[in-house]
Amino acid sequence: MTIKTEQVYAVIFTATMKQVDDEYLQMANRLRDLAFAEFSCLEFNAVTEGDKEVAISYWPSKQHILDWKQHPLHKKAQKLGQERWYSDYRVQVVHVEREYKFANQD
């Protein structure tokens, strides 16, 4: 996927997992779907290694990110995350200044 970077922001979410249960997995899927359907999320990638999770999402504006953050389902997930799912987390919002990539066409 090629993204025009003049107006692109990335949200980098890094967490230490405390507990992963079915409700967490369901919530993560619902939030991902919601981000694309209602908030114009451009791309969303998440990886887990041991108890560490990193998710990077790309957005067309800071306003899209703020609106996403305030959605009732996302606020519920934040509360549950602090109470049950995460030992700690960090969120960084950054402007994407440049992007380049390689794709092998074999």
N, C-alpha and C. Protein backbone atom coordinates (compact mmCIF):
# COMPACT_ATOMS: atom_id res chain seq x y z
N MET A 1 0.84 -1.17 0.00
CA MET A 1 0.00 0.00 0.00
C MET A 1 0.88 1.24 0.00
N THR A 2 0.66 2.15 -0.91
CA THR A 2 1.37 3.41 -0.93
C THR A 2 0.47 4.47 -0.32
N ILE A 3 1.02 5.19 0.62
CA ILE A 3 0.26 6.21 1.33
C ILE A 3 0.89 7.56 1.03
N LYS A 4 0.07 8.55 0.66
CA LYS A 4 0.57 9.91 0.53
C LYS A 4 0.89 10.41 1.93
N THR A 5 2.11 10.87 2.13
CA THR A 5 2.54 11.20 3.49
C THR A 5 2.37 12.66 3.86
N GLU A 6 1.89 13.52 2.96
CA GLU A 6 1.73 14.93 3.31
C GLU A 6 0.78 15.11 4.49
N GLN A 7 -0.22 14.26 4.60
CA GLN A 7 -1.25 14.40 5.62
C GLN A 7 -1.43 13.13 6.43
N VAL A 8 -0.39 12.35 6.60
CA VAL A 8 -0.55 11.07 7.28
C VAL A 8 0.09 11.12 8.67
N TYR A 9 -0.64 10.57 9.63
CA TYR A 9 -0.16 10.45 11.00
C TYR A 9 -0.18 8.98 11.39
N ALA A 10 0.74 8.60 12.25
CA ALA A 10 0.79 7.24 12.75
C ALA A 10 0.59 7.27 14.26
N VAL A 11 -0.14 6.28 14.75
CA VAL A 11 -0.28 6.07 16.18
C VAL A 11 0.47 4.79 16.50
N ILE A 12 1.44 4.91 17.39
CA ILE A 12 2.24 3.76 17.81
C ILE A 12 1.83 3.42 19.24
N PHE A 13 1.24 2.25 19.40
CA PHE A 13 0.77 1.78 20.71
C PHE A 13 1.67 0.63 21.14
N THR A 14 2.34 0.79 22.26
CA THR A 14 3.24 -0.23 22.80
C THR A 14 2.76 -0.60 24.19
N ALA A 15 2.60 -1.89 24.46
CA ALA A 15 2.05 -2.31 25.75
C ALA A 15 2.72 -3.57 26.27
N THR A 16 2.65 -3.71 27.58
CA THR A 16 2.99 -4.97 28.23
C THR A 16 1.67 -5.60 28.64
N MET A 17 1.43 -6.80 28.13
CA MET A 17 0.17 -7.49 28.38
C MET A 17 0.17 -8.10 29.78
N LYS A 18 -0.97 -7.96 30.44
CA LYS A 18 -1.16 -8.59 31.74
C LYS A 18 -2.03 -9.84 31.58
N GLN A 19 -3.06 -9.72 30.76
CA GLN A 19 -4.01 -10.81 30.58
C GLN A 19 -4.62 -10.70 29.18
N VAL A 20 -4.62 -11.79 28.45
CA VAL A 20 -5.30 -11.85 27.16
C VAL A 20 -6.40 -12.89 27.29
N ASP A 21 -7.63 -12.45 27.10
CA ASP A 21 -8.77 -13.36 27.18
C ASP A 21 -9.62 -13.19 25.93
N ASP A 22 -10.69 -13.96 25.84
CA ASP A 22 -11.56 -13.89 24.66
C ASP A 22 -12.15 -12.50 24.48
N GLU A 23 -12.50 -11.85 25.58
CA GLU A 23 -13.07 -10.50 25.48
C GLU A 23 -12.06 -9.52 24.87
N TYR A 24 -10.80 -9.67 25.24
CA TYR A 24 -9.75 -8.82 24.67
C TYR A 24 -9.67 -9.03 23.15
N LEU A 25 -9.62 -10.28 22.73
CA LEU A 25 -9.50 -10.58 21.30
C LEU A 25 -10.71 -10.06 20.52
N GLN A 26 -11.90 -10.23 21.08
CA GLN A 26 -13.11 -9.72 20.44
C GLN A 26 -13.09 -8.20 20.35
N MET A 27 -12.67 -7.55 21.43
CA MET A 27 -12.61 -6.10 21.45
C MET A 27 -11.61 -5.59 20.43
N ALA A 28 -10.45 -6.22 20.36
CA ALA A 28 -9.43 -5.80 19.40
C ALA A 28 -9.96 -5.88 17.97
N ASN A 29 -10.67 -6.95 17.65
CA ASN A 29 -11.24 -7.09 16.30
C ASN A 29 -12.32 -6.05 16.04
N ARG A 30 -13.17 -5.81 17.01
CA ARG A 30 -14.23 -4.80 16.85
C ARG A 30 -13.64 -3.41 16.64
N LEU A 31 -12.62 -3.09 17.43
CA LEU A 31 -12.00 -1.77 17.31
C LEU A 31 -11.30 -1.59 15.97
N ARG A 32 -10.64 -2.63 15.52
CA ARG A 32 -9.98 -2.56 14.21
C ARG A 32 -11.01 -2.31 13.10
N ASP A 33 -12.09 -3.08 13.12
CA ASP A 33 -13.15 -2.89 12.12
C ASP A 33 -13.73 -1.49 12.18
N LEU A 34 -13.97 -1.00 13.39
CA LEU A 34 -14.52 0.34 13.59
C LEU A 34 -13.57 1.42 13.07
N ALA A 35 -12.29 1.25 13.31
CA ALA A 35 -11.30 2.23 12.86
C ALA A 35 -11.36 2.41 11.35
N PHE A 36 -11.48 1.31 10.62
CA PHE A 36 -11.57 1.39 9.16
C PHE A 36 -12.93 1.91 8.70
N ALA A 37 -13.99 1.40 9.29
CA ALA A 37 -15.34 1.71 8.81
C ALA A 37 -15.78 3.14 9.11
N GLU A 38 -15.43 3.65 10.28
CA GLU A 38 -15.98 4.95 10.70
C GLU A 38 -14.96 6.07 10.83
N PHE A 39 -13.68 5.74 10.87
CA PHE A 39 -12.70 6.78 11.18
C PHE A 39 -11.59 6.89 10.14
N SER A 40 -11.79 6.30 8.98
CA SER A 40 -10.87 6.45 7.84
C SER A 40 -9.45 5.98 8.13
N CYS A 41 -9.30 5.00 9.01
CA CYS A 41 -7.98 4.42 9.25
C CYS A 41 -7.44 3.89 7.92
N LEU A 42 -6.18 4.20 7.64
CA LEU A 42 -5.58 3.82 6.36
C LEU A 42 -4.93 2.45 6.40
N GLU A 43 -4.37 2.11 7.55
CA GLU A 43 -3.67 0.83 7.71
C GLU A 43 -3.54 0.55 9.20
N PHE A 44 -3.58 -0.73 9.57
CA PHE A 44 -3.48 -1.11 10.99
C PHE A 44 -2.71 -2.41 11.08
N ASN A 45 -1.59 -2.40 11.80
CA ASN A 45 -0.76 -3.59 11.96
C ASN A 45 -0.46 -3.79 13.44
N ALA A 46 -0.55 -5.02 13.91
CA ALA A 46 -0.24 -5.32 15.31
C ALA A 46 0.55 -6.62 15.38
N VAL A 47 1.52 -6.64 16.30
CA VAL A 47 2.30 -7.85 16.54
C VAL A 47 2.46 -8.04 18.04
N THR A 48 2.58 -9.30 18.44
CA THR A 48 2.79 -9.64 19.84
C THR A 48 3.98 -10.58 19.92
N GLU A 49 4.84 -10.33 20.89
CA GLU A 49 5.96 -11.22 21.17
C GLU A 49 6.06 -11.36 22.68
N GLY A 50 5.81 -12.57 23.16
CA GLY A 50 5.77 -12.77 24.61
C GLY A 50 4.65 -11.93 25.19
N ASP A 51 4.97 -11.10 26.18
CA ASP A 51 3.94 -10.25 26.77
C ASP A 51 3.96 -8.83 26.21
N LYS A 52 4.70 -8.60 25.13
CA LYS A 52 4.79 -7.28 24.50
C LYS A 52 3.90 -7.21 23.27
N GLU A 53 3.21 -6.09 23.12
CA GLU A 53 2.37 -5.85 21.95
C GLU A 53 2.73 -4.49 21.37
N VAL A 54 2.82 -4.44 20.04
CA VAL A 54 3.02 -3.18 19.34
C VAL A 54 1.99 -3.11 18.23
N ALA A 55 1.26 -2.00 18.18
CA ALA A 55 0.29 -1.77 17.12
C ALA A 55 0.60 -0.41 16.50
N ILE A 56 0.62 -0.37 15.18
CA ILE A 56 0.85 0.88 14.46
C ILE A 56 -0.31 1.07 13.50
N SER A 57 -0.96 2.20 13.63
CA SER A 57 -2.06 2.52 12.73
C SER A 57 -1.77 3.86 12.05
N TYR A 58 -2.31 4.02 10.84
CA TYR A 58 -2.07 5.22 10.03
C TYR A 58 -3.40 5.91 9.77
N TRP A 59 -3.37 7.25 9.87
CA TRP A 59 -4.59 8.05 9.82
C TRP A 59 -4.39 9.28 8.94
N PRO A 60 -5.47 9.77 8.32
CA PRO A 60 -5.33 10.93 7.42
C PRO A 60 -5.20 12.27 8.14
N SER A 61 -5.51 12.34 9.44
CA SER A 61 -5.38 13.61 10.16
C SER A 61 -5.36 13.36 11.67
N LYS A 62 -4.90 14.37 12.39
CA LYS A 62 -4.93 14.29 13.85
C LYS A 62 -6.37 14.28 14.35
N GLN A 63 -7.27 14.97 13.64
CA GLN A 63 -8.67 15.00 14.05
C GLN A 63 -9.29 13.60 13.99
N HIS A 64 -8.95 12.83 12.97
CA HIS A 64 -9.45 11.45 12.89
C HIS A 64 -9.00 10.65 14.13
N ILE A 65 -7.76 10.86 14.55
CA ILE A 65 -7.23 10.15 15.71
C ILE A 65 -7.97 10.57 16.98
N LEU A 66 -8.18 11.88 17.14
CA LEU A 66 -8.90 12.37 18.32
C LEU A 66 -10.34 11.86 18.36
N ASP A 67 -11.01 11.87 17.21
CA ASP A 67 -12.38 11.36 17.15
C ASP A 67 -12.42 9.88 17.52
N TRP A 68 -11.47 9.12 17.00
CA TRP A 68 -11.35 7.69 17.30
C TRP A 68 -11.16 7.47 18.80
N LYS A 69 -10.27 8.26 19.38
CA LYS A 69 -9.97 8.12 20.81
C LYS A 69 -11.20 8.36 21.68
N GLN A 70 -12.10 9.22 21.23
CA GLN A 70 -13.28 9.58 22.02
C GLN A 70 -14.49 8.68 21.78
N HIS A 71 -14.42 7.77 20.84
CA HIS A 71 -15.56 6.89 20.56
C HIS A 71 -15.87 6.05 21.80
N PRO A 72 -17.16 5.87 22.15
CA PRO A 72 -17.52 5.13 23.36
C PRO A 72 -16.93 3.72 23.45
N LEU A 73 -16.87 2.99 22.36
CA LEU A 73 -16.29 1.64 22.41
C LEU A 73 -14.79 1.71 22.70
N HIS A 74 -14.12 2.68 22.12
CA HIS A 74 -12.69 2.83 22.37
C HIS A 74 -12.44 3.26 23.82
N LYS A 75 -13.28 4.13 24.34
CA LYS A 75 -13.14 4.54 25.75
C LYS A 75 -13.36 3.34 26.68
N LYS A 76 -14.33 2.48 26.33
CA LYS A 76 -14.55 1.27 27.13
C LYS A 76 -13.32 0.37 27.09
N ALA A 77 -12.73 0.23 25.92
CA ALA A 77 -11.52 -0.60 25.77
C ALA A 77 -10.36 -0.01 26.57
N GLN A 78 -10.23 1.31 26.58
CA GLN A 78 -9.18 1.95 27.36
C GLN A 78 -9.34 1.62 28.85
N LYS A 79 -10.57 1.71 29.33
CA LYS A 79 -10.84 1.41 30.75
C LYS A 79 -10.52 -0.04 31.07
N LEU A 80 -11.00 -0.96 30.24
CA LEU A 80 -10.72 -2.38 30.45
C LEU A 80 -9.23 -2.68 30.34
N GLY A 81 -8.57 -1.99 29.42
CA GLY A 81 -7.13 -2.17 29.27
C GLY A 81 -6.38 -1.81 30.54
N GLN A 82 -6.76 -0.68 31.14
CA GLN A 82 -6.11 -0.25 32.38
C GLN A 82 -6.45 -1.16 33.55
N GLU A 83 -7.67 -1.66 33.57
CA GLU A 83 -8.11 -2.51 34.69
C GLU A 83 -7.63 -3.95 34.57
N ARG A 84 -7.61 -4.50 33.34
CA ARG A 84 -7.42 -5.95 33.19
C ARG A 84 -6.31 -6.37 32.25
N TRP A 85 -6.19 -5.75 31.11
CA TRP A 85 -5.39 -6.32 30.04
C TRP A 85 -3.93 -5.90 30.01
N TYR A 86 -3.62 -4.70 30.48
CA TYR A 86 -2.25 -4.18 30.34
C TYR A 86 -1.61 -3.90 31.69
N SER A 87 -0.33 -4.21 31.79
CA SER A 87 0.47 -3.77 32.93
C SER A 87 0.89 -2.32 32.73
N ASP A 88 1.19 -1.99 31.49
CA ASP A 88 1.53 -0.61 31.12
C ASP A 88 1.35 -0.46 29.62
N TYR A 89 1.24 0.78 29.17
CA TYR A 89 1.21 1.05 27.74
C TYR A 89 1.69 2.47 27.47
N ARG A 90 2.06 2.70 26.23
CA ARG A 90 2.50 4.01 25.77
C ARG A 90 1.88 4.25 24.40
N VAL A 91 1.42 5.48 24.17
CA VAL A 91 0.86 5.87 22.88
C VAL A 91 1.66 7.05 22.35
N GLN A 92 2.09 6.93 21.12
CA GLN A 92 2.81 8.01 20.45
C GLN A 92 2.06 8.36 19.17
N VAL A 93 1.85 9.64 18.93
CA VAL A 93 1.24 10.12 17.69
C VAL A 93 2.32 10.89 16.95
N VAL A 94 2.60 10.44 15.73
CA VAL A 94 3.69 11.05 14.96
C VAL A 94 3.23 11.39 13.55
N HIS A 95 3.85 12.41 12.97
CA HIS A 95 3.59 12.76 11.58
C HIS A 95 4.55 11.97 10.71
N VAL A 96 4.04 11.34 9.68
CA VAL A 96 4.88 10.58 8.75
C VAL A 96 5.46 11.58 7.75
N GLU A 97 6.75 11.79 7.82
CA GLU A 97 7.39 12.77 6.94
C GLU A 97 7.80 12.19 5.60
N ARG A 98 8.15 10.92 5.59
CA ARG A 98 8.64 10.30 4.37
C ARG A 98 8.33 8.82 4.43
N GLU A 99 8.08 8.24 3.26
CA GLU A 99 7.87 6.79 3.17
C GLU A 99 8.49 6.29 1.89
N TYR A 100 9.18 5.18 1.99
CA TYR A 100 9.65 4.47 0.81
C TYR A 100 9.65 2.99 1.13
N LYS A 101 9.58 2.16 0.10
CA LYS A 101 9.48 0.73 0.35
C LYS A 101 10.05 -0.05 -0.82
N PHE A 102 10.22 -1.32 -0.59
CA PHE A 102 10.67 -2.27 -1.59
C PHE A 102 9.67 -3.42 -1.60
N ALA A 103 9.33 -3.90 -2.78
CA ALA A 103 8.47 -5.07 -2.91
C ALA A 103 9.05 -5.97 -3.99
N ASN A 104 9.48 -7.16 -3.62
CA ASN A 104 10.02 -8.11 -4.57
C ASN A 104 8.90 -8.64 -5.44
N GLN A 105 9.07 -8.58 -6.74
CA GLN A 105 8.02 -8.97 -7.68
C GLN A 105 8.20 -10.38 -8.24
N ASP A 106 8.93 -11.25 -7.55
CA ASP A 106 9.16 -12.62 -8.03
C ASP A 106 7.90 -13.42 -8.13
